[in-house]
Amino acid sequence: MPTPAKPNGRRGANAKAPEEPAGPQPCSACRATGNVFANRAGEQVSVACPWCQGSGSWSPGFDAQDAGVFPGA
C-alpha cells in the first residue's frame, strides 16, 4: 500500500489565498506588550515595538520597514 504524499506547502491552482484579518490584531513581534528588547552598546534596553509602534496591536497592511520606523534603515 503506497504512503500518502506529504504536503509540499504549495496551494493548488484553484486554492484561495488566506484572507487577511480585518482590524487590529495582537502584535506577535512584541507579544502585545508594545515593547521589544534591543542590544545597545552591549546592554539590553526596552524600546517601543516598531511593528505596532508601541500600541500592542498590529494593523493588517502596515509595513514597518516601508514606513521607515527602523533607525538607519
N, C-alpha and C. Protein backbone atom coordinates (compact mmCIF):
# COMPACT_ATOMS: atom_id res chain seq x y z
N MET A 1 0.85 -1.18 0.00
CA MET A 1 0.00 0.00 0.00
C MET A 1 0.90 1.24 0.00
N PRO A 2 0.74 2.14 -0.98
CA PRO A 2 1.59 3.34 -1.04
C PRO A 2 1.25 4.31 0.08
N THR A 3 2.28 5.04 0.52
CA THR A 3 2.06 6.05 1.55
C THR A 3 1.52 7.32 0.91
N PRO A 4 0.65 8.04 1.61
CA PRO A 4 0.11 9.28 1.03
C PRO A 4 1.21 10.32 0.87
N ALA A 5 1.04 11.14 -0.15
CA ALA A 5 2.02 12.20 -0.40
C ALA A 5 1.98 13.24 0.71
N LYS A 6 3.15 13.74 1.04
CA LYS A 6 3.23 14.79 2.06
C LYS A 6 2.93 16.13 1.42
N PRO A 7 2.26 17.02 2.14
CA PRO A 7 2.01 18.35 1.58
C PRO A 7 3.33 19.09 1.38
N ASN A 8 3.44 19.79 0.27
CA ASN A 8 4.69 20.49 -0.02
C ASN A 8 4.60 21.99 0.23
N GLY A 9 3.51 22.45 0.82
CA GLY A 9 3.38 23.86 1.14
C GLY A 9 2.83 24.70 0.00
N ARG A 10 2.61 24.09 -1.13
CA ARG A 10 2.08 24.83 -2.27
C ARG A 10 0.56 24.72 -2.32
N ARG A 11 -0.06 25.80 -2.77
CA ARG A 11 -1.51 25.78 -2.94
C ARG A 11 -1.82 25.31 -4.35
N GLY A 12 -2.92 24.66 -4.51
CA GLY A 12 -3.36 24.25 -5.84
C GLY A 12 -3.77 25.46 -6.65
N ALA A 13 -3.97 25.26 -7.94
CA ALA A 13 -4.31 26.37 -8.84
C ALA A 13 -5.63 27.04 -8.46
N ASN A 14 -6.54 26.27 -7.89
CA ASN A 14 -7.86 26.82 -7.55
C ASN A 14 -7.97 27.24 -6.08
N ALA A 15 -6.90 27.09 -5.33
CA ALA A 15 -6.95 27.42 -3.90
C ALA A 15 -6.96 28.93 -3.71
N LYS A 16 -7.74 29.37 -2.75
CA LYS A 16 -7.80 30.80 -2.44
C LYS A 16 -6.67 31.16 -1.48
N ALA A 17 -6.15 32.37 -1.63
CA ALA A 17 -5.16 32.87 -0.70
C ALA A 17 -5.84 33.12 0.64
N PRO A 18 -5.14 32.90 1.76
CA PRO A 18 -5.77 33.16 3.05
C PRO A 18 -6.16 34.63 3.16
N GLU A 19 -7.33 34.85 3.72
CA GLU A 19 -7.79 36.23 3.89
C GLU A 19 -7.07 36.90 5.04
N GLU A 20 -6.75 38.17 4.84
CA GLU A 20 -6.10 38.94 5.89
C GLU A 20 -7.17 39.35 6.90
N PRO A 21 -6.90 39.20 8.20
CA PRO A 21 -7.90 39.58 9.19
C PRO A 21 -8.21 41.07 9.12
N ALA A 22 -9.44 41.41 9.35
CA ALA A 22 -9.84 42.81 9.35
C ALA A 22 -9.60 43.41 10.73
N GLY A 23 -9.12 44.62 10.75
CA GLY A 23 -8.93 45.33 12.01
C GLY A 23 -7.66 44.94 12.74
N PRO A 24 -7.35 45.64 13.80
CA PRO A 24 -6.12 45.40 14.56
C PRO A 24 -6.09 44.00 15.17
N GLN A 25 -4.89 43.43 15.20
CA GLN A 25 -4.64 42.11 15.78
C GLN A 25 -3.56 42.26 16.83
N PRO A 26 -3.48 41.37 17.82
CA PRO A 26 -2.38 41.43 18.79
C PRO A 26 -1.05 41.31 18.05
N CYS A 27 -0.11 42.14 18.40
CA CYS A 27 1.21 42.16 17.75
C CYS A 27 2.01 40.94 18.20
N SER A 28 2.44 40.12 17.23
CA SER A 28 3.21 38.93 17.58
C SER A 28 4.69 39.26 17.81
N ALA A 29 5.18 40.36 17.27
CA ALA A 29 6.58 40.72 17.44
C ALA A 29 6.91 41.05 18.90
N CYS A 30 6.00 41.75 19.57
CA CYS A 30 6.24 42.14 20.97
C CYS A 30 5.33 41.38 21.93
N ARG A 31 4.57 40.43 21.40
CA ARG A 31 3.61 39.66 22.20
C ARG A 31 2.59 40.57 22.87
N ALA A 32 2.18 41.59 22.13
CA ALA A 32 1.14 42.56 22.53
C ALA A 32 1.53 43.40 23.75
N THR A 33 2.83 43.50 24.04
CA THR A 33 3.27 44.33 25.17
C THR A 33 3.57 45.76 24.74
N GLY A 34 3.87 45.96 23.44
CA GLY A 34 4.23 47.28 22.96
C GLY A 34 5.72 47.57 23.06
N ASN A 35 6.49 46.66 23.65
CA ASN A 35 7.93 46.86 23.80
C ASN A 35 8.70 45.64 23.32
N VAL A 36 9.87 45.89 22.76
CA VAL A 36 10.81 44.83 22.40
C VAL A 36 12.16 45.20 23.01
N PHE A 37 13.05 44.23 23.08
CA PHE A 37 14.37 44.49 23.64
C PHE A 37 15.38 44.67 22.51
N ALA A 38 16.26 45.63 22.68
CA ALA A 38 17.32 45.89 21.72
C ALA A 38 18.65 45.83 22.44
N ASN A 39 19.67 45.43 21.74
CA ASN A 39 21.01 45.37 22.30
C ASN A 39 21.74 46.64 21.88
N ARG A 40 21.97 47.51 22.81
CA ARG A 40 22.66 48.77 22.53
C ARG A 40 23.90 48.86 23.39
N ALA A 41 25.05 48.91 22.72
CA ALA A 41 26.35 49.01 23.39
C ALA A 41 26.52 47.90 24.42
N GLY A 42 26.05 46.70 24.08
CA GLY A 42 26.21 45.56 24.96
C GLY A 42 25.19 45.46 26.08
N GLU A 43 24.27 46.40 26.15
CA GLU A 43 23.23 46.36 27.18
C GLU A 43 21.88 46.14 26.52
N GLN A 44 21.03 45.39 27.19
CA GLN A 44 19.69 45.14 26.69
C GLN A 44 18.77 46.24 27.20
N VAL A 45 18.12 46.94 26.26
CA VAL A 45 17.21 48.02 26.63
C VAL A 45 15.85 47.76 26.00
N SER A 46 14.80 48.21 26.65
CA SER A 46 13.45 48.08 26.14
C SER A 46 13.13 49.30 25.28
N VAL A 47 12.62 49.05 24.07
CA VAL A 47 12.24 50.12 23.16
C VAL A 47 10.83 49.85 22.65
N ALA A 48 10.17 50.89 22.16
CA ALA A 48 8.83 50.73 21.59
C ALA A 48 8.91 49.83 20.37
N CYS A 49 7.98 48.93 20.25
CA CYS A 49 7.95 47.97 19.14
C CYS A 49 7.74 48.73 17.82
N PRO A 50 8.63 48.54 16.85
CA PRO A 50 8.46 49.25 15.58
C PRO A 50 7.31 48.72 14.73
N TRP A 51 6.87 47.49 14.95
CA TRP A 51 5.81 46.92 14.13
C TRP A 51 4.44 47.42 14.55
N CYS A 52 4.23 47.62 15.86
CA CYS A 52 2.92 48.13 16.30
C CYS A 52 3.04 49.56 16.84
N GLN A 53 4.24 50.11 16.80
CA GLN A 53 4.53 51.47 17.26
C GLN A 53 4.18 51.66 18.72
N GLY A 54 4.37 50.58 19.51
CA GLY A 54 4.17 50.65 20.95
C GLY A 54 2.74 50.46 21.41
N SER A 55 1.83 50.20 20.49
CA SER A 55 0.42 50.07 20.88
C SER A 55 0.05 48.67 21.35
N GLY A 56 0.82 47.66 20.93
CA GLY A 56 0.50 46.28 21.29
C GLY A 56 -0.45 45.61 20.32
N SER A 57 -0.99 46.37 19.36
CA SER A 57 -1.84 45.77 18.34
C SER A 57 -1.34 46.18 16.96
N TRP A 58 -1.36 45.21 16.06
CA TRP A 58 -0.83 45.39 14.72
C TRP A 58 -1.97 45.53 13.74
N SER A 59 -1.88 46.48 12.84
CA SER A 59 -2.92 46.69 11.82
C SER A 59 -2.51 45.98 10.54
N PRO A 60 -3.35 45.10 10.01
CA PRO A 60 -3.02 44.43 8.76
C PRO A 60 -2.71 45.44 7.66
N GLY A 61 -1.70 45.15 6.90
CA GLY A 61 -1.30 46.03 5.81
C GLY A 61 -0.23 47.03 6.19
N PHE A 62 0.04 47.22 7.49
CA PHE A 62 1.08 48.16 7.91
C PHE A 62 2.44 47.50 7.74
N ASP A 63 3.37 48.18 7.10
CA ASP A 63 4.72 47.68 6.87
C ASP A 63 5.70 48.60 7.57
N ALA A 64 6.27 48.14 8.67
CA ALA A 64 7.19 48.96 9.47
C ALA A 64 8.41 49.36 8.67
N GLN A 65 8.92 48.48 7.82
CA GLN A 65 10.10 48.80 7.03
C GLN A 65 9.77 49.85 5.99
N ASP A 66 8.62 49.75 5.35
CA ASP A 66 8.22 50.73 4.33
C ASP A 66 7.94 52.08 4.97
N ALA A 67 7.42 52.08 6.22
CA ALA A 67 7.11 53.32 6.91
C ALA A 67 8.36 54.03 7.42
N GLY A 68 9.50 53.34 7.42
CA GLY A 68 10.75 53.96 7.85
C GLY A 68 10.89 54.10 9.34
N VAL A 69 10.32 53.16 10.11
CA VAL A 69 10.41 53.28 11.56
C VAL A 69 11.68 52.66 12.13
N PHE A 70 12.48 52.00 11.27
CA PHE A 70 13.72 51.40 11.74
C PHE A 70 14.85 52.40 11.57
N PRO A 71 15.54 52.77 12.65
CA PRO A 71 16.65 53.71 12.53
C PRO A 71 17.75 53.13 11.67
N GLY A 72 18.30 53.94 10.81
CA GLY A 72 19.42 53.51 9.97
C GLY A 72 19.02 52.61 8.83
N ALA A 73 17.73 52.45 8.59
CA ALA A 73 17.29 51.56 7.50
C ALA A 73 17.17 52.32 6.21
